[in-house]
Amino acid sequence: MRILPQDFDGFIRALPELYGLTETESRVAFWLAEGKTNWEIGVIVGCAARTAEKHVERILDKMQVENRTAAAVALAVMVRATASQP
């Protein structure tokens, strides 16, 4: 089940303002919310799995959540909230 928007670029542009994420962290956050592993994220964004893991750690810290699931839920809520605005 897809919880994130089809508009990948619009989603990526919204995250720096909302959570202070860098562009790379925003891309990683998108794939994290899609349920990808660190290894899969690394392949997609072009970095090592360990680098993806460090990005995830920074994302969780900036979003002030404890784990990947909480980050995915927060991102899904953000998408729903922005989608319902006129």
Foldseek 3Di string as FASTA:
>chain_A
DDLADPPLVVQLVPVCVVQVADSLLSQLLNVLLVVDQLCRSCVVSVHHSVVSVVSLVVSCVSVVHDDSVVSSVVSSVVRVVVVPDD
